[in-house]
Amino acid sequence: MVGILLLTHAPLGQAFITAVEHVFRGPTECFEAIDVAADQDINQVNELAKQAIARLNDGSGVLVITDIKGGTPSNCCNSLAAEGCVEVIAGISLPMLLRAITYRRDTLDVVVEMALAGAQSGAVRVDNRIRVGPG
């Protein structure tokens, strides 16, 4: 099963874990978050991430999801992706994460594609204006 690591600005990662536990009515296996503090040493974050990836990787690989490309958590991912068994996506959303979790018994490439599809289909305009007249 593909492991999932959230590497985000604090406290976003833990908030997503809480949301996933709510949706799936309990903890999800092979799923962790590292919340990066504003003044946290980037070397420490890299080490924590490498340790988490080692715990989460059962041979199927690990998807690392970060919040915003170019931020400190995302910048830490640059060296992680070079590991070979790690894929990184920036721009976390709950639809993205739920889709990744749902498909993670598939290959890492499929999980990445499904997560991206979840993000794209999950961002929609909610229009609740009352329409008057035909149409």
N, C-alpha and C. Protein backbone atom coordinates (compact mmCIF):
# COMPACT_ATOMS: atom_id res chain seq x y z
N MET A 1 0.85 -1.17 0.00
CA MET A 1 0.00 0.00 0.00
C MET A 1 0.90 1.24 0.00
N VAL A 2 0.54 2.22 -0.82
CA VAL A 2 1.30 3.46 -0.89
C VAL A 2 1.13 4.24 0.41
N GLY A 3 2.24 4.63 1.00
CA GLY A 3 2.20 5.47 2.19
C GLY A 3 1.95 6.91 1.80
N ILE A 4 1.36 7.66 2.71
CA ILE A 4 1.10 9.07 2.45
C ILE A 4 1.66 9.90 3.60
N LEU A 5 2.48 10.89 3.22
CA LEU A 5 3.07 11.81 4.17
C LEU A 5 2.64 13.22 3.81
N LEU A 6 2.05 13.91 4.76
CA LEU A 6 1.71 15.32 4.59
C LEU A 6 2.85 16.14 5.18
N LEU A 7 3.43 17.01 4.39
CA LEU A 7 4.53 17.86 4.83
C LEU A 7 4.08 19.30 4.58
N THR A 8 3.56 19.93 5.64
CA THR A 8 2.86 21.20 5.49
C THR A 8 3.25 22.20 6.57
N HIS A 9 2.84 23.44 6.35
CA HIS A 9 2.98 24.45 7.39
C HIS A 9 2.06 24.08 8.56
N ALA A 10 2.57 24.26 9.77
CA ALA A 10 1.79 23.95 10.97
C ALA A 10 0.59 24.89 11.06
N PRO A 11 -0.53 24.40 11.48
CA PRO A 11 -0.97 23.07 11.92
C PRO A 11 -1.76 22.32 10.85
N LEU A 12 -1.52 22.63 9.58
CA LEU A 12 -2.34 22.11 8.49
C LEU A 12 -2.34 20.59 8.38
N GLY A 13 -1.18 19.96 8.48
CA GLY A 13 -1.10 18.51 8.32
C GLY A 13 -1.96 17.77 9.33
N GLN A 14 -1.84 18.15 10.59
CA GLN A 14 -2.64 17.48 11.62
C GLN A 14 -4.13 17.75 11.42
N ALA A 15 -4.47 18.93 10.93
CA ALA A 15 -5.88 19.23 10.65
C ALA A 15 -6.42 18.32 9.55
N PHE A 16 -5.62 18.05 8.53
CA PHE A 16 -6.05 17.12 7.48
C PHE A 16 -6.18 15.70 8.02
N ILE A 17 -5.29 15.29 8.90
CA ILE A 17 -5.42 13.96 9.50
C ILE A 17 -6.72 13.86 10.28
N THR A 18 -7.04 14.88 11.03
CA THR A 18 -8.29 14.91 11.79
C THR A 18 -9.49 14.84 10.85
N ALA A 19 -9.45 15.58 9.75
CA ALA A 19 -10.55 15.55 8.78
C ALA A 19 -10.70 14.17 8.15
N VAL A 20 -9.59 13.53 7.82
CA VAL A 20 -9.64 12.18 7.23
C VAL A 20 -10.21 11.19 8.25
N GLU A 21 -9.79 11.30 9.50
CA GLU A 21 -10.35 10.42 10.54
C GLU A 21 -11.85 10.62 10.68
N HIS A 22 -12.31 11.84 10.50
CA HIS A 22 -13.75 12.12 10.55
C HIS A 22 -14.46 11.46 9.38
N VAL A 23 -13.94 11.62 8.18
CA VAL A 23 -14.58 11.08 6.98
C VAL A 23 -14.59 9.55 6.99
N PHE A 24 -13.46 8.96 7.34
CA PHE A 24 -13.34 7.50 7.32
C PHE A 24 -13.66 6.86 8.67
N ARG A 25 -14.10 7.66 9.63
CA ARG A 25 -14.54 7.20 10.95
C ARG A 25 -13.47 6.43 11.72
N GLY A 26 -12.25 6.93 11.65
CA GLY A 26 -11.18 6.33 12.42
C GLY A 26 -9.83 6.57 11.78
N PRO A 27 -8.78 6.12 12.42
CA PRO A 27 -7.42 6.34 11.90
C PRO A 27 -7.20 5.60 10.59
N THR A 28 -6.30 6.14 9.79
CA THR A 28 -5.93 5.54 8.51
C THR A 28 -4.48 5.07 8.61
N GLU A 29 -4.23 3.84 8.20
CA GLU A 29 -2.87 3.30 8.31
C GLU A 29 -1.94 3.87 7.25
N CYS A 30 -0.66 3.84 7.54
CA CYS A 30 0.39 4.32 6.64
C CYS A 30 0.14 5.75 6.20
N PHE A 31 -0.19 6.60 7.16
CA PHE A 31 -0.57 7.98 6.89
C PHE A 31 -0.08 8.84 8.05
N GLU A 32 0.81 9.79 7.74
CA GLU A 32 1.38 10.65 8.77
C GLU A 32 1.46 12.09 8.29
N ALA A 33 1.68 12.98 9.23
CA ALA A 33 1.87 14.39 8.90
C ALA A 33 3.05 14.95 9.68
N ILE A 34 3.77 15.83 9.02
CA ILE A 34 4.80 16.62 9.67
C ILE A 34 4.39 18.07 9.50
N ASP A 35 4.10 18.73 10.60
CA ASP A 35 3.75 20.14 10.59
C ASP A 35 5.02 20.95 10.82
N VAL A 36 5.36 21.77 9.85
CA VAL A 36 6.60 22.54 9.90
C VAL A 36 6.34 23.90 10.54
N ALA A 37 7.07 24.20 11.62
CA ALA A 37 6.96 25.49 12.29
C ALA A 37 7.72 26.55 11.50
N ALA A 38 7.33 27.79 11.69
CA ALA A 38 7.90 28.90 10.92
C ALA A 38 9.42 29.01 11.07
N ASP A 39 9.94 28.72 12.24
CA ASP A 39 11.38 28.89 12.47
C ASP A 39 12.13 27.56 12.55
N GLN A 40 11.51 26.50 12.08
CA GLN A 40 12.12 25.17 12.20
C GLN A 40 13.28 25.03 11.22
N ASP A 41 14.34 24.38 11.66
CA ASP A 41 15.52 24.15 10.85
C ASP A 41 15.19 23.20 9.70
N ILE A 42 15.53 23.59 8.48
CA ILE A 42 15.19 22.80 7.30
C ILE A 42 15.89 21.43 7.32
N ASN A 43 17.07 21.36 7.89
CA ASN A 43 17.77 20.07 8.00
C ASN A 43 17.02 19.12 8.92
N GLN A 44 16.45 19.67 9.99
CA GLN A 44 15.66 18.86 10.90
C GLN A 44 14.40 18.35 10.19
N VAL A 45 13.76 19.21 9.42
CA VAL A 45 12.56 18.80 8.67
C VAL A 45 12.91 17.70 7.68
N ASN A 46 14.01 17.85 6.97
CA ASN A 46 14.44 16.81 6.02
C ASN A 46 14.67 15.48 6.71
N GLU A 47 15.29 15.52 7.88
CA GLU A 47 15.55 14.28 8.61
C GLU A 47 14.25 13.64 9.09
N LEU A 48 13.35 14.45 9.62
CA LEU A 48 12.04 13.93 10.05
C LEU A 48 11.29 13.30 8.88
N ALA A 49 11.36 13.95 7.72
CA ALA A 49 10.67 13.44 6.54
C ALA A 49 11.28 12.13 6.07
N LYS A 50 12.59 12.02 6.05
CA LYS A 50 13.25 10.78 5.65
C LYS A 50 12.87 9.63 6.59
N GLN A 51 12.82 9.92 7.88
CA GLN A 51 12.41 8.89 8.85
C GLN A 51 10.97 8.46 8.62
N ALA A 52 10.10 9.41 8.36
CA ALA A 52 8.69 9.10 8.11
C ALA A 52 8.54 8.28 6.84
N ILE A 53 9.26 8.63 5.80
CA ILE A 53 9.20 7.88 4.54
C ILE A 53 9.65 6.44 4.77
N ALA A 54 10.71 6.25 5.54
CA ALA A 54 11.18 4.89 5.85
C ALA A 54 10.11 4.09 6.57
N ARG A 55 9.37 4.72 7.49
CA ARG A 55 8.29 4.02 8.21
C ARG A 55 7.12 3.70 7.29
N LEU A 56 6.81 4.61 6.38
CA LEU A 56 5.61 4.49 5.56
C LEU A 56 5.79 3.62 4.32
N ASN A 57 7.02 3.41 3.90
CA ASN A 57 7.25 2.69 2.65
C ASN A 57 7.35 1.19 2.88
N ASP A 58 6.33 0.48 2.42
CA ASP A 58 6.35 -0.99 2.50
C ASP A 58 6.87 -1.61 1.22
N GLY A 59 7.43 -0.79 0.34
CA GLY A 59 7.91 -1.24 -0.97
C GLY A 59 7.05 -0.69 -2.10
N SER A 60 5.90 -0.13 -1.76
CA SER A 60 4.98 0.43 -2.76
C SER A 60 5.27 1.90 -3.05
N GLY A 61 6.10 2.53 -2.23
CA GLY A 61 6.41 3.94 -2.40
C GLY A 61 5.61 4.81 -1.47
N VAL A 62 5.92 6.10 -1.50
CA VAL A 62 5.29 7.08 -0.63
C VAL A 62 4.93 8.31 -1.45
N LEU A 63 3.71 8.78 -1.24
CA LEU A 63 3.27 10.04 -1.82
C LEU A 63 3.40 11.10 -0.74
N VAL A 64 4.18 12.13 -1.02
CA VAL A 64 4.32 13.26 -0.12
C VAL A 64 3.46 14.39 -0.69
N ILE A 65 2.57 14.90 0.14
CA ILE A 65 1.70 16.00 -0.28
C ILE A 65 2.03 17.21 0.57
N THR A 66 2.30 18.31 -0.09
CA THR A 66 2.64 19.54 0.60
C THR A 66 1.62 20.62 0.26
N ASP A 67 1.67 21.71 0.99
CA ASP A 67 0.61 22.71 0.84
C ASP A 67 0.85 23.69 -0.30
N ILE A 68 2.00 24.29 -0.39
CA ILE A 68 2.21 25.31 -1.40
C ILE A 68 3.61 25.20 -1.99
N LYS A 69 3.68 25.14 -3.30
CA LYS A 69 4.97 25.03 -3.98
C LYS A 69 5.79 26.28 -3.68
N GLY A 70 7.05 26.06 -3.29
CA GLY A 70 7.95 27.17 -3.00
C GLY A 70 8.07 27.49 -1.52
N GLY A 71 7.17 26.96 -0.69
CA GLY A 71 7.27 27.16 0.75
C GLY A 71 8.31 26.22 1.33
N THR A 72 8.67 26.44 2.58
CA THR A 72 9.68 25.60 3.23
C THR A 72 9.33 24.11 3.19
N PRO A 73 8.10 23.70 3.52
CA PRO A 73 7.80 22.27 3.43
C PRO A 73 7.99 21.71 2.02
N SER A 74 7.56 22.46 1.03
CA SER A 74 7.71 22.03 -0.35
C SER A 74 9.18 21.97 -0.76
N ASN A 75 9.94 22.94 -0.33
CA ASN A 75 11.37 22.95 -0.67
C ASN A 75 12.10 21.76 -0.07
N CYS A 76 11.65 21.29 1.07
CA CYS A 76 12.24 20.08 1.67
C CYS A 76 11.99 18.86 0.79
N CYS A 77 10.92 18.89 0.04
CA CYS A 77 10.54 17.74 -0.77
C CYS A 77 11.45 17.53 -1.97
N ASN A 78 12.16 18.57 -2.38
CA ASN A 78 13.03 18.44 -3.55
C ASN A 78 14.03 17.30 -3.39
N SER A 79 14.65 17.21 -2.24
CA SER A 79 15.62 16.13 -2.02
C SER A 79 14.93 14.79 -1.79
N LEU A 80 13.70 14.81 -1.27
CA LEU A 80 12.98 13.56 -1.00
C LEU A 80 12.58 12.86 -2.29
N ALA A 81 12.18 13.65 -3.30
CA ALA A 81 11.73 13.08 -4.57
C ALA A 81 12.86 12.35 -5.28
N ALA A 82 14.09 12.70 -4.98
CA ALA A 82 15.24 12.05 -5.60
C ALA A 82 15.44 10.62 -5.08
N GLU A 83 14.72 10.26 -4.03
CA GLU A 83 14.86 8.93 -3.43
C GLU A 83 14.40 7.82 -4.37
N GLY A 84 13.57 8.12 -5.36
CA GLY A 84 13.13 7.11 -6.32
C GLY A 84 11.79 6.48 -6.01
N CYS A 85 11.49 6.28 -4.75
CA CYS A 85 10.23 5.65 -4.35
C CYS A 85 9.25 6.68 -3.82
N VAL A 86 9.56 7.96 -4.09
CA VAL A 86 8.76 9.06 -3.54
C VAL A 86 8.26 9.95 -4.66
N GLU A 87 6.99 10.27 -4.62
CA GLU A 87 6.39 11.26 -5.51
C GLU A 87 5.89 12.40 -4.65
N VAL A 88 5.92 13.62 -5.18
CA VAL A 88 5.52 14.80 -4.43
C VAL A 88 4.46 15.58 -5.22
N ILE A 89 3.42 16.00 -4.50
CA ILE A 89 2.38 16.85 -5.07
C ILE A 89 2.26 18.07 -4.14
N ALA A 90 2.15 19.25 -4.74
CA ALA A 90 1.91 20.47 -3.96
C ALA A 90 0.48 20.92 -4.19
N GLY A 91 -0.08 21.61 -3.20
CA GLY A 91 -1.43 22.17 -3.33
C GLY A 91 -2.50 21.29 -2.70
N ILE A 92 -2.23 20.81 -1.50
CA ILE A 92 -3.14 19.87 -0.85
C ILE A 92 -4.56 20.44 -0.74
N SER A 93 -5.52 19.54 -0.91
CA SER A 93 -6.93 19.83 -0.66
C SER A 93 -7.55 18.55 -0.11
N LEU A 94 -8.66 18.68 0.56
CA LEU A 94 -9.30 17.48 1.10
C LEU A 94 -9.76 16.54 -0.01
N PRO A 95 -10.34 17.02 -1.12
CA PRO A 95 -10.69 16.08 -2.19
C PRO A 95 -9.47 15.34 -2.74
N MET A 96 -8.34 16.04 -2.87
CA MET A 96 -7.12 15.39 -3.32
C MET A 96 -6.71 14.28 -2.37
N LEU A 97 -6.70 14.59 -1.10
CA LEU A 97 -6.25 13.65 -0.09
C LEU A 97 -7.17 12.44 0.01
N LEU A 98 -8.47 12.66 0.01
CA LEU A 98 -9.42 11.54 0.08
C LEU A 98 -9.27 10.62 -1.13
N ARG A 99 -9.06 11.20 -2.30
CA ARG A 99 -8.88 10.38 -3.49
C ARG A 99 -7.59 9.58 -3.39
N ALA A 100 -6.51 10.20 -2.92
CA ALA A 100 -5.24 9.48 -2.78
C ALA A 100 -5.39 8.31 -1.82
N ILE A 101 -6.06 8.52 -0.71
CA ILE A 101 -6.25 7.45 0.27
C ILE A 101 -7.11 6.33 -0.32
N THR A 102 -8.13 6.69 -1.04
CA THR A 102 -9.03 5.70 -1.62
C THR A 102 -8.33 4.79 -2.62
N TYR A 103 -7.38 5.32 -3.39
CA TYR A 103 -6.72 4.55 -4.46
C TYR A 103 -5.33 4.05 -4.08
N ARG A 104 -4.91 4.16 -2.85
CA ARG A 104 -3.52 3.87 -2.54
C ARG A 104 -3.13 2.41 -2.50
N ARG A 105 -4.07 1.52 -2.75
CA ARG A 105 -3.70 0.10 -2.91
C ARG A 105 -3.24 -0.19 -4.34
N ASP A 106 -3.31 0.83 -5.19
CA ASP A 106 -2.83 0.73 -6.56
C ASP A 106 -1.36 1.15 -6.59
N THR A 107 -0.80 1.37 -7.77
CA THR A 107 0.60 1.79 -7.88
C THR A 107 0.74 3.26 -7.50
N LEU A 108 1.96 3.65 -7.21
CA LEU A 108 2.25 5.03 -6.84
C LEU A 108 1.84 5.99 -7.96
N ASP A 109 2.11 5.63 -9.21
CA ASP A 109 1.73 6.48 -10.34
C ASP A 109 0.22 6.68 -10.41
N VAL A 110 -0.54 5.63 -10.18
CA VAL A 110 -2.00 5.74 -10.20
C VAL A 110 -2.48 6.62 -9.05
N VAL A 111 -1.89 6.45 -7.88
CA VAL A 111 -2.29 7.26 -6.72
C VAL A 111 -2.05 8.74 -7.01
N VAL A 112 -0.92 9.06 -7.63
CA VAL A 112 -0.63 10.45 -7.99
C VAL A 112 -1.69 10.99 -8.95
N GLU A 113 -1.99 10.24 -9.98
CA GLU A 113 -2.98 10.69 -10.97
C GLU A 113 -4.37 10.84 -10.35
N MET A 114 -4.77 9.92 -9.50
CA MET A 114 -6.08 10.00 -8.86
C MET A 114 -6.14 11.19 -7.88
N ALA A 115 -5.04 11.43 -7.18
CA ALA A 115 -5.00 12.58 -6.26
C ALA A 115 -5.16 13.89 -7.04
N LEU A 116 -4.43 14.01 -8.14
CA LEU A 116 -4.53 15.21 -8.96
C LEU A 116 -5.93 15.37 -9.55
N ALA A 117 -6.53 14.26 -9.97
CA ALA A 117 -7.90 14.31 -10.49
C ALA A 117 -8.88 14.74 -9.40
N GLY A 118 -8.67 14.26 -8.19
CA GLY A 118 -9.52 14.65 -7.06
C GLY A 118 -9.42 16.14 -6.78
N ALA A 119 -8.21 16.67 -6.87
CA ALA A 119 -8.02 18.11 -6.65
C ALA A 119 -8.73 18.92 -7.72
N GLN A 120 -8.60 18.48 -8.96
CA GLN A 120 -9.21 19.22 -10.07
C GLN A 120 -10.73 19.15 -10.03
N SER A 121 -11.28 17.99 -9.77
CA SER A 121 -12.74 17.87 -9.76
C SER A 121 -13.33 18.41 -8.46
N GLY A 122 -12.51 18.55 -7.43
CA GLY A 122 -13.01 19.04 -6.15
C GLY A 122 -13.08 20.55 -6.05
N ALA A 123 -12.46 21.25 -6.99
CA ALA A 123 -12.49 22.72 -6.97
C ALA A 123 -13.56 23.20 -7.95
N VAL A 124 -14.71 23.54 -7.41
CA VAL A 124 -15.85 23.97 -8.24
C VAL A 124 -16.49 25.21 -7.63
N ARG A 125 -17.11 25.97 -8.47
CA ARG A 125 -17.87 27.12 -7.99
C ARG A 125 -19.22 26.64 -7.49
N VAL A 126 -19.56 27.05 -6.29
CA VAL A 126 -20.86 26.71 -5.72
C VAL A 126 -21.76 27.91 -5.93
N ASP A 127 -22.72 27.75 -6.80
CA ASP A 127 -23.60 28.86 -7.17
C ASP A 127 -24.99 28.57 -6.63
N ASN A 128 -25.39 29.29 -5.60
CA ASN A 128 -26.71 29.04 -5.01
C ASN A 128 -27.63 30.24 -5.17
N ARG A 129 -27.35 31.07 -6.17
CA ARG A 129 -28.23 32.21 -6.42
C ARG A 129 -29.57 31.72 -6.97
N ILE A 130 -30.60 32.38 -6.62
CA ILE A 130 -31.93 32.02 -7.09
C ILE A 130 -32.11 32.52 -8.51
N ARG A 131 -32.51 31.64 -9.37
CA ARG A 131 -32.74 31.99 -10.78
C ARG A 131 -34.21 32.31 -10.97
N VAL A 132 -34.47 33.39 -11.67
CA VAL A 132 -35.85 33.80 -11.95
C VAL A 132 -36.03 33.80 -13.46
N GLY A 133 -37.10 33.21 -13.90
CA GLY A 133 -37.40 33.21 -15.31
C GLY A 133 -36.96 31.94 -15.98
N PRO A 134 -37.08 31.89 -17.30
CA PRO A 134 -36.72 30.67 -18.06
C PRO A 134 -35.23 30.37 -17.98
N GLY A 135 -34.95 29.11 -18.09
CA GLY A 135 -33.56 28.71 -18.19
C GLY A 135 -33.01 28.20 -16.97
